[in-house]
């Protein structure tokens, strides 16, 4: 049981790291090629700031190559963030379940012998 709890703790730590990387990926706009053939973080230099540029679909075409990189970037990191958060919840439940089973496993009411069944 201790092995299950320890592995779930490591899983929770990994899931938190995944969620943090995905959140950071959403906070930083993708690097893309602009019309001058320069590769840059184009949305980072916008006057209205990074977060508002990422949600404004009218300025996405300023990234010439790769095509649809902003949409791909948002979808990829949103999925990674969602799955990371789901993994955090599931691993935390597993840690809690394992700890409760270790501490109170003998405390639960046990059913009487059911007559050899």
PDB file of N, CA and C in Angstrom:
ATOM      1  N   UNK A   1       0.829  -1.193   0.000  1.00  0.00           N
ATOM      2  CA  UNK A   1       0.000   0.000   0.000  1.00  0.00           C
ATOM      3  C   UNK A   1       0.871   1.254   0.000  1.00  0.00           C
ATOM      4  N   UNK A   2       1.984   1.187   0.719  1.00  0.00           N
ATOM      5  CA  UNK A   2       2.896   2.334   0.766  1.00  0.00           C
ATOM      6  C   UNK A   2       3.479   2.612  -0.616  1.00  0.00           C
ATOM      7  N   UNK A   3       3.733   1.546  -1.360  1.00  0.00           N
ATOM      8  CA  UNK A   3       4.245   1.702  -2.728  1.00  0.00           C
ATOM      9  C   UNK A   3       3.244   2.457  -3.598  1.00  0.00           C
ATOM     10  N   UNK A   4       1.981   2.136  -3.474  1.00  0.00           N
ATOM     11  CA  UNK A   4       0.937   2.817  -4.244  1.00  0.00           C
ATOM     12  C   UNK A   4       0.856   4.291  -3.881  1.00  0.00           C
ATOM     13  N   UNK A   5       0.965   4.599  -2.602  1.00  0.00           N
ATOM     14  CA  UNK A   5       0.905   5.998  -2.158  1.00  0.00           C
ATOM     15  C   UNK A   5       2.108   6.771  -2.684  1.00  0.00           C
ATOM     16  N   UNK A   6       3.295   6.182  -2.579  1.00  0.00           N
ATOM     17  CA  UNK A   6       4.503   6.872  -3.051  1.00  0.00           C
ATOM     18  C   UNK A   6       4.461   7.111  -4.556  1.00  0.00           C
ATOM     19  N   UNK A   7       4.015   6.121  -5.307  1.00  0.00           N
ATOM     20  CA  UNK A   7       3.921   6.298  -6.754  1.00  0.00           C
ATOM     21  C   UNK A   7       2.860   7.334  -7.122  1.00  0.00           C
ATOM     22  N   UNK A   8       1.794   7.380  -6.372  1.00  0.00           N
ATOM     23  CA  UNK A   8       0.765   8.393  -6.622  1.00  0.00           C
ATOM     24  C   UNK A   8       1.265   9.793  -6.277  1.00  0.00           C
ATOM     25  N   UNK A   9       2.108   9.906  -5.254  1.00  0.00           N
ATOM     26  CA  UNK A   9       2.700  11.203  -4.917  1.00  0.00           C
ATOM     27  C   UNK A   9       3.603  11.664  -6.054  1.00  0.00           C
ATOM     28  N   UNK A  10       4.423  10.743  -6.581  1.00  0.00           N
ATOM     29  CA  UNK A  10       5.274  11.097  -7.723  1.00  0.00           C
ATOM     30  C   UNK A  10       4.440  11.449  -8.950  1.00  0.00           C
ATOM     31  N   UNK A  11       3.332  10.753  -9.144  1.00  0.00           N
ATOM     32  CA  UNK A  11       2.418  11.077 -10.236  1.00  0.00           C
ATOM     33  C   UNK A  11       1.803  12.453 -10.067  1.00  0.00           C
ATOM     34  N   UNK A  12       1.467  12.802  -8.834  1.00  0.00           N
ATOM     35  CA  UNK A  12       0.910  14.125  -8.560  1.00  0.00           C
ATOM     36  C   UNK A  12       1.939  15.216  -8.841  1.00  0.00           C
ATOM     37  N   UNK A  13       3.175  14.981  -8.442  1.00  0.00           N
ATOM     38  CA  UNK A  13       4.245  15.952  -8.703  1.00  0.00           C
ATOM     39  C   UNK A  13       4.441  16.125 -10.213  1.00  0.00           C
ATOM     40  N   UNK A  14       4.450  15.026 -10.948  1.00  0.00           N
ATOM     41  CA  UNK A  14       4.578  15.097 -12.410  1.00  0.00           C
ATOM     42  C   UNK A  14       3.402  15.812 -13.059  1.00  0.00           C
ATOM     43  N   UNK A  15       2.214  15.573 -12.545  1.00  0.00           N
ATOM     44  CA  UNK A  15       1.025  16.221 -13.093  1.00  0.00           C
ATOM     45  C   UNK A  15       1.042  17.726 -12.825  1.00  0.00           C
ATOM     46  N   UNK A  16       1.511  18.123 -11.652  1.00  0.00           N
ATOM     47  CA  UNK A  16       1.626  19.551 -11.346  1.00  0.00           C
ATOM     48  C   UNK A  16       2.645  20.198 -12.275  1.00  0.00           C
ATOM     49  N   UNK A  17       3.762  19.509 -12.518  1.00  0.00           N
ATOM     50  CA  UNK A  17       4.767  20.034 -13.453  1.00  0.00           C
ATOM     51  C   UNK A  17       4.184  20.178 -14.855  1.00  0.00           C
ATOM     52  N   UNK A  18       3.430  19.194 -15.299  1.00  0.00           N
ATOM     53  CA  UNK A  18       2.793  19.248 -16.616  1.00  0.00           C
ATOM     54  C   UNK A  18       1.825  20.417 -16.706  1.00  0.00           C
ATOM     55  N   UNK A  19       1.023  20.606 -15.671  1.00  0.00           N
ATOM     56  CA  UNK A  19       0.058  21.711 -15.670  1.00  0.00           C
ATOM     57  C   UNK A  19       0.772  23.061 -15.659  1.00  0.00           C
ATOM     58  N   UNK A  20       1.875  23.166 -14.925  1.00  0.00           N
ATOM     59  CA  UNK A  20       2.629  24.429 -14.888  1.00  0.00           C
ATOM     60  C   UNK A  20       3.261  24.745 -16.237  1.00  0.00           C
ATOM     61  N   UNK A  21       3.819  23.736 -16.895  1.00  0.00           N
ATOM     62  CA  UNK A  21       4.417  23.948 -18.219  1.00  0.00           C
ATOM     63  C   UNK A  21       3.352  24.337 -19.232  1.00  0.00           C
ATOM     64  N   UNK A  22       2.193  23.695 -19.160  1.00  0.00           N
ATOM     65  CA  UNK A  22       1.111  24.027 -20.086  1.00  0.00           C
ATOM     66  C   UNK A  22       0.586  25.441 -19.841  1.00  0.00           C
ATOM     67  N   UNK A  23       0.483  25.840 -18.579  1.00  0.00           N
ATOM     68  CA  UNK A  23       0.033  27.199 -18.273  1.00  0.00           C
ATOM     69  C   UNK A  23       1.058  28.223 -18.748  1.00  0.00           C
ATOM     70  N   UNK A  24       2.333  27.904 -18.583  1.00  0.00           N
ATOM     71  CA  UNK A  24       3.378  28.806 -19.074  1.00  0.00           C
ATOM     72  C   UNK A  24       3.367  28.871 -20.596  1.00  0.00           C
ATOM     73  N   UNK A  25       3.076  27.756 -21.255  1.00  0.00           N
ATOM     74  CA  UNK A  25       2.977  27.735 -22.710  1.00  0.00           C
ATOM     75  C   UNK A  25       1.820  28.577 -23.214  1.00  0.00           C
ATOM     76  N   UNK A  26       0.740  28.603 -22.465  1.00  0.00           N
ATOM     77  CA  UNK A  26      -0.388  29.451 -22.842  1.00  0.00           C
ATOM     78  C   UNK A  26      -0.089  30.925 -22.585  1.00  0.00           C
ATOM     79  N   UNK A  27       0.734  31.192 -21.592  1.00  0.00           N
ATOM     80  CA  UNK A  27       1.061  32.579 -21.262  1.00  0.00           C
ATOM     81  C   UNK A  27       2.024  33.191 -22.275  1.00  0.00           C
ATOM     82  N   UNK A  28       2.876  32.359 -22.871  1.00  0.00           N
ATOM     83  CA  UNK A  28       3.857  32.854 -23.839  1.00  0.00           C
ATOM     84  C   UNK A  28       3.367  32.490 -25.235  1.00  0.00           C
ATOM     85  N   UNK A  29       3.305  33.465 -26.086  1.00  0.00           N
ATOM     86  CA  UNK A  29       2.828  33.235 -27.455  1.00  0.00           C
ATOM     87  C   UNK A  29       3.847  32.415 -28.238  1.00  0.00           C
ATOM     88  N   UNK A  30       3.419  31.749 -29.292  1.00  0.00           N
ATOM     89  CA  UNK A  30       4.354  30.927 -30.066  1.00  0.00           C
ATOM     90  C   UNK A  30       5.335  31.779 -30.878  1.00  0.00           C
ATOM     91  N   UNK A  31       6.475  31.182 -31.144  1.00  0.00           N
ATOM     92  CA  UNK A  31       7.461  31.824 -32.018  1.00  0.00           C
ATOM     93  C   UNK A  31       7.066  31.479 -33.446  1.00  0.00           C
ATOM     94  N   UNK A  32       6.980  32.508 -34.304  1.00  0.00           N
ATOM     95  CA  UNK A  32       6.558  32.264 -35.675  1.00  0.00           C
ATOM     96  C   UNK A  32       7.314  33.184 -36.625  1.00  0.00           C
ATOM     97  N   UNK A  33       7.192  32.864 -37.895  1.00  0.00           N
ATOM     98  CA  UNK A  33       7.831  33.676 -38.927  1.00  0.00           C
ATOM     99  C   UNK A  33       6.855  34.763 -39.355  1.00  0.00           C
ATOM    100  N   UNK A  34       7.307  36.012 -39.296  1.00  0.00           N
ATOM    101  CA  UNK A  34       6.465  37.135 -39.702  1.00  0.00           C
ATOM    102  C   UNK A  34       6.803  37.512 -41.139  1.00  0.00           C
ATOM    103  N   UNK A  35       6.139  38.517 -41.677  1.00  0.00           N
ATOM    104  CA  UNK A  35       6.288  38.857 -43.095  1.00  0.00           C
ATOM    105  C   UNK A  35       7.707  39.220 -43.496  1.00  0.00           C
ATOM    106  N   UNK A  36       8.526  39.719 -42.594  1.00  0.00           N
ATOM    107  CA  UNK A  36       9.897  40.086 -42.922  1.00  0.00           C
ATOM    108  C   UNK A  36      10.858  38.913 -42.902  1.00  0.00           C
ATOM    109  N   UNK A  37      10.353  37.697 -42.859  1.00  0.00           N
ATOM    110  CA  UNK A  37      11.132  36.460 -42.818  1.00  0.00           C
ATOM    111  C   UNK A  37      11.927  36.299 -41.521  1.00  0.00           C
ATOM    112  N   UNK A  38      11.569  37.049 -40.505  1.00  0.00           N
ATOM    113  CA  UNK A  38      12.215  36.933 -39.208  1.00  0.00           C
ATOM    114  C   UNK A  38      11.378  36.036 -38.306  1.00  0.00           C
ATOM    115  N   UNK A  39      12.057  35.209 -37.537  1.00  0.00           N
ATOM    116  CA  UNK A  39      11.372  34.381 -36.556  1.00  0.00           C
ATOM    117  C   UNK A  39      11.406  35.127 -35.233  1.00  0.00           C
ATOM    118  N   UNK A  40      10.238  35.346 -34.651  1.00  0.00           N
ATOM    119  CA  UNK A  40      10.170  36.088 -33.394  1.00  0.00           C
ATOM    120  C   UNK A  40       8.901  35.722 -32.638  1.00  0.00           C
ATOM    121  N   UNK A  41       8.905  36.102 -31.387  1.00  0.00           N
ATOM    122  CA  UNK A  41       7.699  35.997 -30.569  1.00  0.00           C
ATOM    123  C   UNK A  41       6.881  37.257 -30.850  1.00  0.00           C
ATOM    124  N   UNK A  42       6.141  37.231 -31.928  1.00  0.00           N
ATOM    125  CA  UNK A  42       5.485  38.425 -32.453  1.00  0.00           C
ATOM    126  C   UNK A  42       4.469  39.023 -31.486  1.00  0.00           C
ATOM    127  N   UNK A  43       3.698  38.197 -30.831  1.00  0.00           N
ATOM    128  CA  UNK A  43       2.628  38.690 -29.965  1.00  0.00           C
ATOM    129  C   UNK A  43       3.170  39.276 -28.664  1.00  0.00           C
ATOM    130  N   UNK A  44       4.405  38.948 -28.330  1.00  0.00           N
ATOM    131  CA  UNK A  44       5.010  39.464 -27.115  1.00  0.00           C
ATOM    132  C   UNK A  44       5.305  40.962 -27.235  1.00  0.00           C
ATOM    133  N   UNK A  45       5.560  41.442 -28.432  1.00  0.00           N
ATOM    134  CA  UNK A  45       5.924  42.832 -28.651  1.00  0.00           C
ATOM    135  C   UNK A  45       4.723  43.727 -28.963  1.00  0.00           C
ATOM    136  N   UNK A  46       3.544  43.182 -28.881  1.00  0.00           N
ATOM    137  CA  UNK A  46       2.350  43.963 -29.191  1.00  0.00           C
ATOM    138  C   UNK A  46       2.072  44.947 -28.052  1.00  0.00           C
ATOM    139  N   UNK A  47       1.587  46.147 -28.381  1.00  0.00           N
ATOM    140  CA  UNK A  47       1.327  47.145 -27.329  1.00  0.00           C
ATOM    141  C   UNK A  47       0.231  46.737 -26.358  1.00  0.00           C
ATOM    142  N   UNK A  48      -0.729  45.954 -26.811  1.00  0.00           N
ATOM    143  CA  UNK A  48      -1.836  45.597 -25.924  1.00  0.00           C
ATOM    144  C   UNK A  48      -1.489  44.440 -24.999  1.00  0.00           C
ATOM    145  N   UNK A  49      -0.289  43.883 -25.111  1.00  0.00           N
ATOM    146  CA  UNK A  49       0.135  42.823 -24.205  1.00  0.00           C
ATOM    147  C   UNK A  49      -0.091  41.446 -24.777  1.00  0.00           C
ATOM    148  N   UNK A  50       0.523  40.478 -24.148  1.00  0.00           N
ATOM    149  CA  UNK A  50       0.536  39.114 -24.654  1.00  0.00           C
ATOM    150  C   UNK A  50      -0.822  38.437 -24.551  1.00  0.00           C
ATOM    151  N   UNK A  51      -1.484  38.533 -23.414  1.00  0.00           N
ATOM    152  CA  UNK A  51      -2.716  37.771 -23.226  1.00  0.00           C
ATOM    153  C   UNK A  51      -3.841  38.267 -24.123  1.00  0.00           C
ATOM    154  N   UNK A  52      -3.951  39.569 -24.335  1.00  0.00           N
ATOM    155  CA  UNK A  52      -5.032  40.060 -25.179  1.00  0.00           C
ATOM    156  C   UNK A  52      -4.750  39.785 -26.651  1.00  0.00           C
ATOM    157  N   UNK A  53      -3.478  39.702 -27.049  1.00  0.00           N
ATOM    158  CA  UNK A  53      -3.145  39.415 -28.442  1.00  0.00           C
ATOM    159  C   UNK A  53      -3.491  37.980 -28.809  1.00  0.00           C
ATOM    160  N   UNK A  54      -3.325  37.084 -27.854  1.00  0.00           N
ATOM    161  CA  UNK A  54      -3.574  35.679 -28.142  1.00  0.00           C
ATOM    162  C   UNK A  54      -5.058  35.400 -28.373  1.00  0.00           C
ATOM    163  N   UNK A  55      -5.928  36.168 -27.780  1.00  0.00           N
ATOM    164  CA  UNK A  55      -7.357  35.916 -27.955  1.00  0.00           C
ATOM    165  C   UNK A  55      -7.954  36.706 -29.109  1.00  0.00           C
ATOM    166  N   UNK A  56      -7.212  37.660 -29.661  1.00  0.00           N
ATOM    167  CA  UNK A  56      -7.691  38.465 -30.783  1.00  0.00           C
ATOM    168  C   UNK A  56      -7.372  37.742 -32.092  1.00  0.00           C
ATOM    169  N   UNK A  57      -8.364  37.096 -32.682  1.00  0.00           N
ATOM    170  CA  UNK A  57      -8.151  36.284 -33.889  1.00  0.00           C
ATOM    171  C   UNK A  57      -7.797  37.116 -35.116  1.00  0.00           C
ATOM    172  N   UNK A  58      -8.049  38.409 -35.074  1.00  0.00           N
ATOM    173  CA  UNK A  58      -7.770  39.237 -36.255  1.00  0.00           C
ATOM    174  C   UNK A  58      -6.278  39.440 -36.483  1.00  0.00           C
ATOM    175  N   UNK A  59      -5.463  39.297 -35.467  1.00  0.00           N
ATOM    176  CA  UNK A  59      -4.014  39.490 -35.655  1.00  0.00           C
ATOM    177  C   UNK A  59      -3.253  38.177 -35.779  1.00  0.00           C
ATOM    178  N   UNK A  60      -3.931  37.042 -35.721  1.00  0.00           N
ATOM    179  CA  UNK A  60      -3.261  35.753 -35.898  1.00  0.00           C
ATOM    180  C   UNK A  60      -2.604  35.610 -37.266  1.00  0.00           C
ATOM    181  N   UNK A  61      -3.201  36.121 -38.344  1.00  0.00           N
ATOM    182  CA  UNK A  61      -2.560  35.941 -39.658  1.00  0.00           C
ATOM    183  C   UNK A  61      -1.231  36.670 -39.818  1.00  0.00           C
ATOM    184  N   UNK A  62      -0.830  37.489 -38.869  1.00  0.00           N
ATOM    185  CA  UNK A  62       0.479  38.133 -38.947  1.00  0.00           C
ATOM    186  C   UNK A  62       1.604  37.115 -38.896  1.00  0.00           C
ATOM    187  N   UNK A  63       1.341  35.963 -38.324  1.00  0.00           N
ATOM    188  CA  UNK A  63       2.318  34.868 -38.347  1.00  0.00           C
ATOM    189  C   UNK A  63       2.144  34.149 -39.684  1.00  0.00           C
ATOM    190  N   UNK A  64       3.142  34.284 -40.543  1.00  0.00           N
ATOM    191  CA  UNK A  64       3.053  33.724 -41.889  1.00  0.00           C
ATOM    192  C   UNK A  64       3.320  32.218 -41.884  1.00  0.00           C
ATOM    193  N   UNK A  65       4.313  31.802 -41.147  1.00  0.00           N
ATOM    194  CA  UNK A  65       4.696  30.387 -41.140  1.00  0.00           C
ATOM    195  C   UNK A  65       5.021  29.982 -39.720  1.00  0.00           C
ATOM    196  N   UNK A  66       4.654  28.847 -39.291  1.00  0.00           N
ATOM    197  CA  UNK A  66       3.733  27.866 -39.826  1.00  0.00           C
ATOM    198  C   UNK A  66       2.287  28.366 -39.774  1.00  0.00           C
ATOM    199  N   UNK A  67       1.515  27.892 -40.708  1.00  0.00           N
ATOM    200  CA  UNK A  67       0.124  28.318 -40.793  1.00  0.00           C
ATOM    201  C   UNK A  67      -0.655  27.836 -39.569  1.00  0.00           C
ATOM    202  N   UNK A  68      -1.555  28.671 -39.110  1.00  0.00           N
ATOM    203  CA  UNK A  68      -2.421  28.370 -37.961  1.00  0.00           C
ATOM    204  C   UNK A  68      -1.644  27.989 -36.701  1.00  0.00           C
ATOM    205  N   UNK A  69      -0.450  28.544 -36.537  1.00  0.00           N
ATOM    206  CA  UNK A  69       0.375  28.183 -35.388  1.00  0.00           C
ATOM    207  C   UNK A  69      -0.238  28.664 -34.077  1.00  0.00           C
ATOM    208  N   UNK A  70      -0.927  29.782 -34.085  1.00  0.00           N
ATOM    209  CA  UNK A  70      -1.504  30.300 -32.842  1.00  0.00           C
ATOM    210  C   UNK A  70      -2.642  29.399 -32.376  1.00  0.00           C
ATOM    211  N   UNK A  71      -3.503  29.003 -33.288  1.00  0.00           N
ATOM    212  CA  UNK A  71      -4.597  28.095 -32.937  1.00  0.00           C
ATOM    213  C   UNK A  71      -4.050  26.759 -32.452  1.00  0.00           C
ATOM    214  N   UNK A  72      -3.060  26.231 -33.155  1.00  0.00           N
ATOM    215  CA  UNK A  72      -2.433  24.963 -32.766  1.00  0.00           C
ATOM    216  C   UNK A  72      -1.822  25.093 -31.379  1.00  0.00           C
ATOM    217  N   UNK A  73      -1.160  26.192 -31.126  1.00  0.00           N
ATOM    218  CA  UNK A  73      -0.511  26.455 -29.843  1.00  0.00           C
ATOM    219  C   UNK A  73      -1.539  26.482 -28.713  1.00  0.00           C
ATOM    220  N   UNK A  74      -2.627  27.207 -28.924  1.00  0.00           N
ATOM    221  CA  UNK A  74      -3.656  27.325 -27.894  1.00  0.00           C
ATOM    222  C   UNK A  74      -4.325  25.976 -27.632  1.00  0.00           C
ATOM    223  N   UNK A  75      -4.655  25.250 -28.689  1.00  0.00           N
ATOM    224  CA  UNK A  75      -5.317  23.950 -28.523  1.00  0.00           C
ATOM    225  C   UNK A  75      -4.393  22.955 -27.831  1.00  0.00           C
ATOM    226  N   UNK A  76      -3.143  22.890 -28.253  1.00  0.00           N
ATOM    227  CA  UNK A  76      -2.192  21.938 -27.667  1.00  0.00           C
ATOM    228  C   UNK A  76      -2.004  22.182 -26.181  1.00  0.00           C
ATOM    229  N   UNK A  77      -1.722  23.419 -25.804  1.00  0.00           N
ATOM    230  CA  UNK A  77      -1.456  23.691 -24.403  1.00  0.00           C
ATOM    231  C   UNK A  77      -2.721  23.683 -23.556  1.00  0.00           C
ATOM    232  N   UNK A  78      -3.875  23.952 -24.143  1.00  0.00           N
ATOM    233  CA  UNK A  78      -5.135  23.833 -23.397  1.00  0.00           C
ATOM    234  C   UNK A  78      -5.441  22.374 -23.076  1.00  0.00           C
ATOM    235  N   UNK A  79      -5.224  21.503 -24.043  1.00  0.00           N
ATOM    236  CA  UNK A  79      -5.430  20.070 -23.809  1.00  0.00           C
ATOM    237  C   UNK A  79      -4.447  19.566 -22.762  1.00  0.00           C
ATOM    238  N   UNK A  80      -3.179  19.963 -22.871  1.00  0.00           N
ATOM    239  CA  UNK A  80      -2.178  19.536 -21.896  1.00  0.00           C
ATOM    240  C   UNK A  80      -2.510  20.047 -20.501  1.00  0.00           C
ATOM    241  N   UNK A  81      -2.995  21.274 -20.404  1.00  0.00           N
ATOM    242  CA  UNK A  81      -3.370  21.828 -19.105  1.00  0.00           C
ATOM    243  C   UNK A  81      -4.564  21.080 -18.521  1.00  0.00           C
ATOM    244  N   UNK A  82      -5.565  20.818 -19.341  1.00  0.00           N
ATOM    245  CA  UNK A  82      -6.740  20.085 -18.861  1.00  0.00           C
ATOM    246  C   UNK A  82      -6.399  18.683 -18.392  1.00  0.00           C
ATOM    247  N   UNK A  83      -5.585  17.981 -19.169  1.00  0.00           N
ATOM    248  CA  UNK A  83      -5.198  16.621 -18.780  1.00  0.00           C
ATOM    249  C   UNK A  83      -4.289  16.622 -17.550  1.00  0.00           C
ATOM    250  N   UNK A  84      -3.430  17.625 -17.449  1.00  0.00           N
ATOM    251  CA  UNK A  84      -2.577  17.738 -16.262  1.00  0.00           C
ATOM    252  C   UNK A  84      -3.399  17.969 -15.008  1.00  0.00           C
ATOM    253  N   UNK A  85      -4.390  18.841 -15.099  1.00  0.00           N
ATOM    254  CA  UNK A  85      -5.247  19.095 -13.943  1.00  0.00           C
ATOM    255  C   UNK A  85      -6.085  17.870 -13.581  1.00  0.00           C
ATOM    256  N   UNK A  86      -6.562  17.162 -14.598  1.00  0.00           N
ATOM    257  CA  UNK A  86      -7.306  15.920 -14.341  1.00  0.00           C
ATOM    258  C   UNK A  86      -6.408  14.892 -13.655  1.00  0.00           C
ATOM    259  N   UNK A  87      -5.166  14.796 -14.095  1.00  0.00           N
ATOM    260  CA  UNK A  87      -4.225  13.854 -13.489  1.00  0.00           C
ATOM    261  C   UNK A  87      -3.908  14.253 -12.050  1.00  0.00           C
ATOM    262  N   UNK A  88      -3.812  15.554 -11.775  1.00  0.00           N
ATOM    263  CA  UNK A  88      -3.586  16.011 -10.401  1.00  0.00           C
ATOM    264  C   UNK A  88      -4.731  15.547  -9.508  1.00  0.00           C
ATOM    265  N   UNK A  89      -5.945  15.719  -9.973  1.00  0.00           N
ATOM    266  CA  UNK A  89      -7.116  15.326  -9.177  1.00  0.00           C
ATOM    267  C   UNK A  89      -7.130  13.818  -8.945  1.00  0.00           C
ATOM    268  N   UNK A  90      -6.909  13.037 -10.001  1.00  0.00           N
ATOM    269  CA  UNK A  90      -6.959  11.578  -9.863  1.00  0.00           C
ATOM    270  C   UNK A  90      -5.837  11.053  -8.977  1.00  0.00           C
ATOM    271  N   UNK A  91      -4.639  11.592  -9.133  1.00  0.00           N
ATOM    272  CA  UNK A  91      -3.526  11.143  -8.288  1.00  0.00           C
ATOM    273  C   UNK A  91      -3.730  11.565  -6.841  1.00  0.00           C
ATOM    274  N   UNK A  92      -4.279  12.753  -6.613  1.00  0.00           N
ATOM    275  CA  UNK A  92      -4.554  13.195  -5.244  1.00  0.00           C
ATOM    276  C   UNK A  92      -5.605  12.299  -4.586  1.00  0.00           C
ATOM    277  N   UNK A  93      -6.610  11.904  -5.342  1.00  0.00           N
ATOM    278  CA  UNK A  93      -7.615  10.970  -4.811  1.00  0.00           C
ATOM    279  C   UNK A  93      -6.963   9.633  -4.473  1.00  0.00           C
ATOM    280  N   UNK A  94      -6.052   9.170  -5.319  1.00  0.00           N
ATOM    281  CA  UNK A  94      -5.368   7.904  -5.066  1.00  0.00           C
ATOM    282  C   UNK A  94      -4.482   7.994  -3.824  1.00  0.00           C
ATOM    283  N   UNK A  95      -3.809   9.128  -3.636  1.00  0.00           N
ATOM    284  CA  UNK A  95      -2.984   9.320  -2.435  1.00  0.00           C
ATOM    285  C   UNK A  95      -3.871   9.302  -1.198  1.00  0.00           C
ATOM    286  N   UNK A  96      -4.973  10.027  -1.244  1.00  0.00           N
ATOM    287  CA  UNK A  96      -5.895  10.061  -0.117  1.00  0.00           C
ATOM    288  C   UNK A  96      -6.474   8.677   0.178  1.00  0.00           C
ATOM    289  N   UNK A  97      -6.857   7.970  -0.859  1.00  0.00           N
ATOM    290  CA  UNK A  97      -7.399   6.623  -0.703  1.00  0.00           C
ATOM    291  C   UNK A  97      -6.360   5.694  -0.081  1.00  0.00           C
ATOM    292  N   UNK A  98      -5.128   5.759  -0.565  1.00  0.00           N
ATOM    293  CA  UNK A  98      -4.078   4.902  -0.024  1.00  0.00           C
ATOM    294  C   UNK A  98      -3.752   5.222   1.418  1.00  0.00           C
ATOM    295  N   UNK A  99      -3.716   6.512   1.749  1.00  0.00           N
ATOM    296  CA  UNK A  99      -3.442   6.903   3.136  1.00  0.00           C
ATOM    297  C   UNK A  99      -4.558   6.465   4.070  1.00  0.00           C
ATOM    298  N   UNK A 100      -5.811   6.658   3.647  1.00  0.00           N
ATOM    299  CA  UNK A 100      -6.939   6.224   4.476  1.00  0.00           C
ATOM    300  C   UNK A 100      -6.953   4.716   4.639  1.00  0.00           C
ATOM    301  N   UNK A 101      -6.597   3.994   3.593  1.00  0.00           N
ATOM    302  CA  UNK A 101      -6.572   2.536   3.674  1.00  0.00           C
ATOM    303  C   UNK A 101      -5.458   2.064   4.594  1.00  0.00           C
ATOM    304  N   UNK A 102      -4.311   2.743   4.572  1.00  0.00           N
ATOM    305  CA  UNK A 102      -3.216   2.375   5.469  1.00  0.00           C
ATOM    306  C   UNK A 102      -3.574   2.660   6.923  1.00  0.00           C
ATOM    307  N   UNK A 103      -4.168   3.817   7.168  1.00  0.00           N
ATOM    308  CA  UNK A 103      -4.457   4.220   8.538  1.00  0.00           C
ATOM    309  C   UNK A 103      -5.700   3.551   9.108  1.00  0.00           C
ATOM    310  N   UNK A 104      -6.732   3.405   8.285  1.00  0.00           N
ATOM    311  CA  UNK A 104      -8.011   2.895   8.790  1.00  0.00           C
ATOM    312  C   UNK A 104      -8.414   1.568   8.168  1.00  0.00           C
ATOM    313  N   UNK A 105      -7.491   0.878   7.543  1.00  0.00           N
ATOM    314  CA  UNK A 105      -7.840  -0.374   6.874  1.00  0.00           C
ATOM    315  C   UNK A 105      -8.369  -1.416   7.833  1.00  0.00           C
ATOM    316  N   UNK A 106      -7.838  -1.454   9.055  1.00  0.00           N
ATOM    317  CA  UNK A 106      -8.296  -2.426  10.047  1.00  0.00           C
ATOM    318  C   UNK A 106      -9.470  -1.916  10.854  1.00  0.00           C
ATOM    319  N   UNK A 107      -9.802  -0.627  10.702  1.00  0.00           N
ATOM    320  CA  UNK A 107     -10.883  -0.031  11.495  1.00  0.00           C
ATOM    321  C   UNK A 107     -12.256  -0.298  10.911  1.00  0.00           C
ATOM    322  N   UNK A 108     -12.327  -0.580   9.624  1.00  0.00           N
ATOM    323  CA  UNK A 108     -13.622  -0.729   8.972  1.00  0.00           C
ATOM    324  C   UNK A 108     -14.331  -1.974   9.484  1.00  0.00           C
ATOM    325  N   UNK A 109     -15.655  -1.914   9.503  1.00  0.00           N
ATOM    326  CA  UNK A 109     -16.473  -3.052   9.898  1.00  0.00           C
ATOM    327  C   UNK A 109     -16.291  -4.157   8.869  1.00  0.00           C
ATOM    328  N   UNK A 110     -15.942  -5.314   9.357  1.00  0.00           N
ATOM    329  CA  UNK A 110     -15.792  -6.454   8.452  1.00  0.00           C
ATOM    330  C   UNK A 110     -17.046  -7.291   8.528  1.00  0.00           C
ATOM    331  N   UNK A 111     -17.484  -7.797   7.371  1.00  0.00           N
ATOM    332  CA  UNK A 111     -18.680  -8.633   7.326  1.00  0.00           C
ATOM    333  C   UNK A 111     -18.391  -9.973   8.000  1.00  0.00           C
ATOM    334  N   UNK A 112     -19.413 -10.493   8.606  1.00  0.00           N
ATOM    335  CA  UNK A 112     -19.297 -11.800   9.217  1.00  0.00           C
ATOM    336  C   UNK A 112     -19.139 -12.857   8.130  1.00  0.00           C
ATOM    337  N   UNK A 113     -18.662 -13.990   8.476  1.00  0.00           N
ATOM    338  CA  UNK A 113     -18.533 -15.085   7.530  1.00  0.00           C
ATOM    339  C   UNK A 113     -19.901 -15.413   6.960  1.00  0.00           C
ATOM    340  N   UNK A 114     -19.981 -15.506   5.643  1.00  0.00           N
ATOM    341  CA  UNK A 114     -21.265 -15.685   4.985  1.00  0.00           C
ATOM    342  C   UNK A 114     -21.596 -17.145   4.757  1.00  0.00           C
ATOM    343  N   UNK A 115     -21.149 -18.016   5.609  1.00  0.00           N
ATOM    344  CA  UNK A 115     -21.547 -19.410   5.520  1.00  0.00           C
ATOM    345  C   UNK A 115     -20.827 -20.179   4.428  1.00  0.00           C
ATOM    346  N   UNK A 116     -19.557 -19.894   4.180  1.00  0.00           N
ATOM    347  CA  UNK A 116     -18.782 -20.653   3.217  1.00  0.00           C
ATOM    348  C   UNK A 116     -18.925 -20.217   1.778  1.00  0.00           C
ATOM    349  N   UNK A 117     -19.581 -19.104   1.519  1.00  0.00           N
ATOM    350  CA  UNK A 117     -19.705 -18.630   0.144  1.00  0.00           C
ATOM    351  C   UNK A 117     -18.530 -17.818  -0.261  1.00  0.00           C
TER     352      UNK A 117
END
